[in-house]
Each structure stands twice: as structure tokens, then as C-alpha cells.
């Protein structure tokens, strides 16, 4: 069944003093909400703000930082494949698809509602071109399960499914940032592959866990924000 959205509600020319709910769903992991606040589209999961369409700078840096780190590897003549954890508002996917230096682009998203909002709802304006790109594949499943079960491997893994290692959307995601969970992330990376993890704040403890999980070249890049502490991208490389 296709959901009919009231375009007058999510028209970018409209402005509202208070958020307006466009869609509310009970998903496999709880409630997910798409709402508009002024010109911004926002995704809320179980009452926790995830992201909005206000900027996208940090999501783009997440993808670029992974791609730039791959440039230090010996040239193979084969375009690198990237696995993106979390579709969100689509900034990471759209930015990856706009870069011809990427090969296969696989996005894992566990919430069917978010995928639908991109395919036929208000978020389609941001992601339509990327979804139509033949390199793009959307996998509707939980990322933790995917990295534990898939036989596929990638050159880069970009994670943006939580507000960071220390602030997860659901308790089940906490395992992903443990030493065992990071070992699963390393398993889907090819030798020399790059793990990039978005976070709303720096996490020295997570950096230590990355080292303990066997990653190398662990570092943190800051993304300035208008207010508060910078967003960051944690980067690490699977040994060759």
C-alpha cells in the first residue's frame, strides 16, 4: 500500500513555529516519526532525535573521510565499494552516489518506513537520483545482523545509525561498538579497508576499543557546528 502524503504539509516554502508530524509508524524496533519543522525534515526514533535536513556537512564528511583514507592504498584500478550503515535523511547516500570514484554503494536500513519515505515520500527529493543510480543497493535489515551474517566484503564501512558510540538509538546497537562488534565490522572490510563512524561527540573510550579490536591508524576528525561541541568522525583502518 502506498501512503498518500499531504504535499501542502511538507512543501519547502512553508514555515511552522512548531514541528508537524508527517508520518508516524510502529516499526520492528519501535516508533519512527517523520516530521517537518519549518523547512527542515526530521527523523525521530522512539522519542530520540536522530537527524534532520538542516546541513548534511558531517554526513558528507563521513563519506569523504573514508574515501580519502582509501587514497593512501596502492592503486588497483578497481573502484572501491562502500557499505553505509543507516539511510537516515539520505545525505551520505546522495553524496556517495555523486562521487564517481565509488564502485558499489550498499545501504543497510532496518526501518521500512524510512526506506518508503525516500522512495515515495517527502525525502525522495534528496535521494531520488542516488536511488536510481545502478551502483546503489538498499538492504532492509539490521546492520548488526548484516555484519555478522553477510559474506560480502567492502573497502569502506560508514556508520551513521546512532548519535554515536556512547548514545545509541536502541540497546541492541551497543554491541556494534564493543570489541566483538568491531571485529564483525572488520570482517566485512577487505584488507586496508576503512571504518568511519559518525558521532555527536568525541569518544576517547571508543578510540581505545578500536585499537583493542585490532584496527590501525585510529584517529578522530572534528566537524564544527553552530553551537556546542563539534560532531566527529572516528576513522580506523583494517590491517592489510
Protein backbone atom coordinates (compact mmCIF):
# COMPACT_ATOMS: atom_id res chain seq x y z
CA UNK A 1 0.00 0.00 0.00
CA UNK A 2 1.31 3.46 -0.89
CA UNK A 3 0.93 6.21 1.68
CA UNK A 4 -0.60 9.47 0.45
CA UNK A 5 1.26 12.47 1.82
CA UNK A 6 -0.24 15.93 2.02
CA UNK A 7 2.20 17.96 -0.06
CA UNK A 8 0.94 21.20 1.42
CA UNK A 9 2.31 19.99 4.76
CA UNK A 10 5.87 19.28 3.61
CA UNK A 11 6.21 22.00 0.98
CA UNK A 12 9.65 23.64 1.46
CA UNK A 13 8.13 27.09 1.07
CA UNK A 14 6.05 26.66 4.22
CA UNK A 15 7.26 27.65 7.68
CA UNK A 16 5.94 26.48 11.05
CA UNK A 17 6.62 27.57 14.60
CA UNK A 18 6.15 24.04 15.91
CA UNK A 19 7.02 20.63 14.40
CA UNK A 20 4.32 18.99 12.28
CA UNK A 21 4.18 15.19 12.15
CA UNK A 22 4.05 13.94 8.55
CA UNK A 23 4.04 10.23 9.32
CA UNK A 24 4.25 8.01 12.37
CA UNK A 25 4.92 4.27 12.19
CA UNK A 26 5.42 1.36 14.54
CA UNK A 27 8.47 -0.32 13.07
CA UNK A 28 10.27 -3.53 14.01
CA UNK A 29 12.35 -1.62 16.58
CA UNK A 30 9.76 0.78 17.92
CA UNK A 31 8.20 4.05 16.82
CA UNK A 32 9.65 6.12 13.98
CA UNK A 33 8.36 9.57 13.14
CA UNK A 34 8.94 11.88 10.19
CA UNK A 35 8.09 15.47 10.92
CA UNK A 36 8.61 18.93 9.46
CA UNK A 37 9.87 21.87 11.49
CA UNK A 38 9.85 24.92 9.29
CA UNK A 39 11.80 23.91 6.19
CA UNK A 40 13.51 21.00 7.94
CA UNK A 41 12.56 17.32 7.78
CA UNK A 42 13.37 15.41 10.95
CA UNK A 43 13.52 11.72 11.86
CA UNK A 44 12.68 10.72 15.43
CA UNK A 45 13.09 7.14 16.70
CA UNK A 46 11.45 6.12 19.98
CA UNK A 47 11.36 9.76 21.03
CA UNK A 48 15.08 10.25 20.28
CA UNK A 49 16.04 12.86 17.68
CA UNK A 50 18.21 11.19 15.04
CA UNK A 51 18.87 13.72 12.29
CA UNK A 52 17.38 16.39 10.07
CA UNK A 53 17.93 18.05 6.72
CA UNK A 54 19.48 21.22 8.16
CA UNK A 55 23.03 20.73 6.92
CA UNK A 56 24.45 17.33 5.95
CA UNK A 57 28.03 18.55 6.28
CA UNK A 58 29.02 15.87 8.80
CA UNK A 59 27.32 13.10 6.82
CA UNK A 60 29.19 14.16 3.70
CA UNK A 61 32.46 14.31 5.62
CA UNK A 62 31.78 10.80 6.88
CA UNK A 63 31.82 9.52 3.29
CA UNK A 64 34.66 11.77 2.13
CA UNK A 65 36.88 10.88 5.08
CA UNK A 66 36.51 7.19 4.27
CA UNK A 67 37.21 7.79 0.58
CA UNK A 68 40.24 9.99 1.28
CA UNK A 69 41.69 7.37 3.63
CA UNK A 70 41.42 4.81 0.84
CA UNK A 71 43.52 7.02 -1.44
CA UNK A 72 46.60 6.07 0.56
CA UNK A 73 46.33 2.46 -0.57
CA UNK A 74 48.19 1.14 -3.64
CA UNK A 75 46.25 1.80 -6.86
CA UNK A 76 44.40 -1.31 -8.06
CA UNK A 77 42.40 0.13 -10.94
CA UNK A 78 39.18 -1.13 -9.31
CA UNK A 79 36.66 1.30 -7.82
CA UNK A 80 36.19 0.75 -4.05
CA UNK A 81 32.88 -0.50 -2.68
CA UNK A 82 31.25 1.22 0.28
CA UNK A 83 28.75 -0.06 2.86
CA UNK A 84 26.70 2.69 4.52
CA UNK A 85 25.01 1.85 7.79
CA UNK A 86 21.81 3.86 8.02
CA UNK A 87 19.85 5.64 5.29
CA UNK A 88 18.70 8.49 7.53
CA UNK A 89 17.72 11.58 5.57
CA UNK A 90 19.89 10.40 2.67
CA UNK A 91 22.85 12.80 2.82
CA UNK A 92 25.50 10.05 2.98
CA UNK A 93 23.95 8.04 0.15
CA UNK A 94 23.43 11.07 -2.06
CA UNK A 95 26.99 12.24 -1.53
CA UNK A 96 28.46 8.81 -2.26
CA UNK A 97 26.37 8.45 -5.41
CA UNK A 98 27.52 11.88 -6.62
CA UNK A 99 31.14 10.69 -6.46
CA UNK A 100 32.21 8.62 -9.50
CA UNK A 101 35.19 7.29 -7.52
CA UNK A 102 32.93 4.85 -5.65
CA UNK A 103 32.01 1.46 -7.06
CA UNK A 104 29.15 -0.46 -5.44
CA UNK A 105 27.17 1.55 -2.84
CA UNK A 106 25.24 -0.63 -0.39
CA UNK A 107 22.99 0.97 2.24
CA UNK A 108 21.64 -1.05 5.16
CA UNK A 109 18.48 0.40 6.74
CA UNK A 110 16.36 -1.54 9.21
CA UNK A 111 13.30 0.73 9.26
CA UNK A 112 10.94 0.06 6.30
CA UNK A 113 9.25 3.43 6.88
CA UNK A 114 12.49 5.34 6.28
CA UNK A 115 13.06 3.48 3.01
CA UNK A 116 9.49 4.31 1.92
CA UNK A 117 9.90 7.99 2.84
CA UNK A 118 12.82 8.05 0.41
CA UNK A 119 11.23 6.03 -2.37
CA UNK A 120 7.83 7.74 -2.46
CA UNK A 121 7.61 10.27 0.36
CA UNK A 122 8.98 13.66 1.39
CA UNK A 123 12.63 12.54 1.48
CA UNK A 124 12.62 11.48 -2.17
CA UNK A 125 13.70 14.97 -3.22
CA UNK A 126 17.03 14.34 -1.51
CA UNK A 127 17.68 10.79 -2.66
CA UNK A 128 15.83 10.11 -5.93
CA UNK A 129 18.94 10.42 -8.12
CA UNK A 130 21.02 8.28 -5.75
CA UNK A 131 18.37 5.57 -5.56
CA UNK A 132 18.21 5.49 -9.36
CA UNK A 133 21.99 5.06 -9.61
CA UNK A 134 22.76 1.49 -10.78
CA UNK A 135 25.55 1.27 -8.20
CA UNK A 136 23.08 1.68 -5.32
CA UNK A 137 21.55 -1.22 -3.42
CA UNK A 138 19.26 -0.78 -0.39
CA UNK A 139 19.22 -3.72 2.03
CA UNK A 140 16.34 -3.65 4.51
CA UNK A 141 17.78 -5.35 7.58
CA UNK A 142 19.50 -4.62 10.88
CA UNK A 143 23.14 -3.58 10.44
CA UNK A 144 24.33 -5.64 13.42
CA UNK A 145 22.80 -8.75 11.86
CA UNK A 146 24.16 -7.82 8.44
CA UNK A 147 27.81 -7.51 9.50
CA UNK A 148 27.50 -10.77 11.44
CA UNK A 149 25.93 -12.75 8.62
CA UNK A 150 26.90 -11.37 5.22
CA UNK A 151 29.52 -12.96 3.02
CA UNK A 152 30.05 -9.69 1.14
CA UNK A 153 33.12 -7.53 1.75
CA UNK A 154 33.72 -3.83 1.19
CA UNK A 155 36.52 -1.31 1.05
CA UNK A 156 34.79 1.15 3.37
CA UNK A 157 32.13 0.94 6.07
CA UNK A 158 30.45 4.22 7.05
CA UNK A 159 28.31 4.01 10.18
CA UNK A 160 25.63 6.59 10.98
CA UNK A 161 22.91 4.63 12.76
CA UNK A 162 23.15 6.26 16.19
CA UNK A 163 24.10 9.56 17.77
CA UNK A 164 27.47 7.96 18.43
CA UNK A 165 29.08 5.01 20.21
CA UNK A 166 28.05 6.42 23.59
CA UNK A 167 24.47 7.33 22.61
CA UNK A 168 22.72 4.53 20.77
CA UNK A 169 19.15 4.60 19.49
CA UNK A 170 18.39 1.11 20.83
CA UNK A 171 20.19 -1.04 23.40
CA UNK A 172 20.86 -3.72 20.78
CA UNK A 173 23.10 -1.30 18.87
CA UNK A 174 25.53 -1.07 21.80
CA UNK A 175 27.10 -4.38 20.80
CA UNK A 176 28.23 -2.88 17.49
CA UNK A 177 30.67 -0.56 19.27
CA UNK A 178 32.10 -3.26 21.53
CA UNK A 179 35.34 -5.05 20.72
CA UNK A 180 33.36 -8.05 19.43
CA UNK A 181 31.09 -5.84 17.33
CA UNK A 182 34.04 -4.02 15.81
CA UNK A 183 35.58 -7.39 14.98
CA UNK A 184 32.43 -8.09 12.93
CA UNK A 185 32.85 -4.73 11.20
CA UNK A 186 36.44 -5.65 10.40
CA UNK A 187 35.26 -8.97 8.98
CA UNK A 188 33.25 -7.23 6.23
CA UNK A 189 36.17 -4.97 5.36
CA UNK A 190 38.83 -6.01 2.89
CA UNK A 191 42.48 -5.69 3.98
CA UNK A 192 43.29 -1.99 4.17
CA UNK A 193 39.58 -1.15 4.37
CA UNK A 194 38.38 1.91 6.29
CA UNK A 195 35.82 2.12 9.09
CA UNK A 196 34.26 5.58 9.56
CA UNK A 197 31.85 6.17 12.45
CA UNK A 198 29.82 9.38 12.89
CA UNK A 199 29.33 10.66 16.44
CA UNK A 200 27.71 13.68 18.04
CA UNK A 201 30.69 13.97 20.37
CA UNK A 202 34.24 12.62 20.68
CA UNK A 203 34.69 9.29 22.47
CA UNK A 204 38.22 8.51 23.70
CA UNK A 205 36.91 5.22 25.08
CA UNK A 206 35.69 4.21 21.62
CA UNK A 207 39.11 5.06 20.17
CA UNK A 208 40.69 2.68 22.68
CA UNK A 209 38.18 -0.02 21.74
CA UNK A 210 39.08 0.41 18.06
CA UNK A 211 42.76 -0.15 18.87
CA UNK A 212 41.91 -3.15 21.06
CA UNK A 213 39.80 -4.63 18.24
CA UNK A 214 42.88 -4.66 16.01
CA UNK A 215 42.29 -1.56 13.90
CA UNK A 216 45.18 0.70 12.96
CA UNK A 217 45.57 4.39 12.10
CA UNK A 218 42.80 5.28 14.56
CA UNK A 219 42.01 8.98 14.58
CA UNK A 220 39.15 11.43 15.07
CA UNK A 221 38.19 14.29 12.74
CA UNK A 222 36.07 17.15 14.07
CA UNK A 223 33.22 18.84 12.21
CA UNK A 224 32.45 22.32 13.61
CA UNK A 225 28.82 23.02 14.47
CA UNK A 226 26.97 26.25 15.20
CA UNK A 227 26.57 25.51 18.91
CA UNK A 228 28.03 23.03 21.38
CA UNK A 229 30.83 20.51 20.94
CA UNK A 230 31.82 19.54 17.38
CA UNK A 231 30.44 16.47 15.65
CA UNK A 232 33.18 13.97 14.88
CA UNK A 233 34.05 11.09 12.57
CA UNK A 234 36.07 8.26 14.09
CA UNK A 235 38.32 6.64 11.49
CA UNK A 236 40.22 3.36 11.62
CA UNK A 237 41.86 1.01 9.12
CA UNK A 238 41.76 -2.76 8.99
CA UNK A 239 45.35 -4.04 8.73
CA UNK A 240 46.41 -5.17 5.26
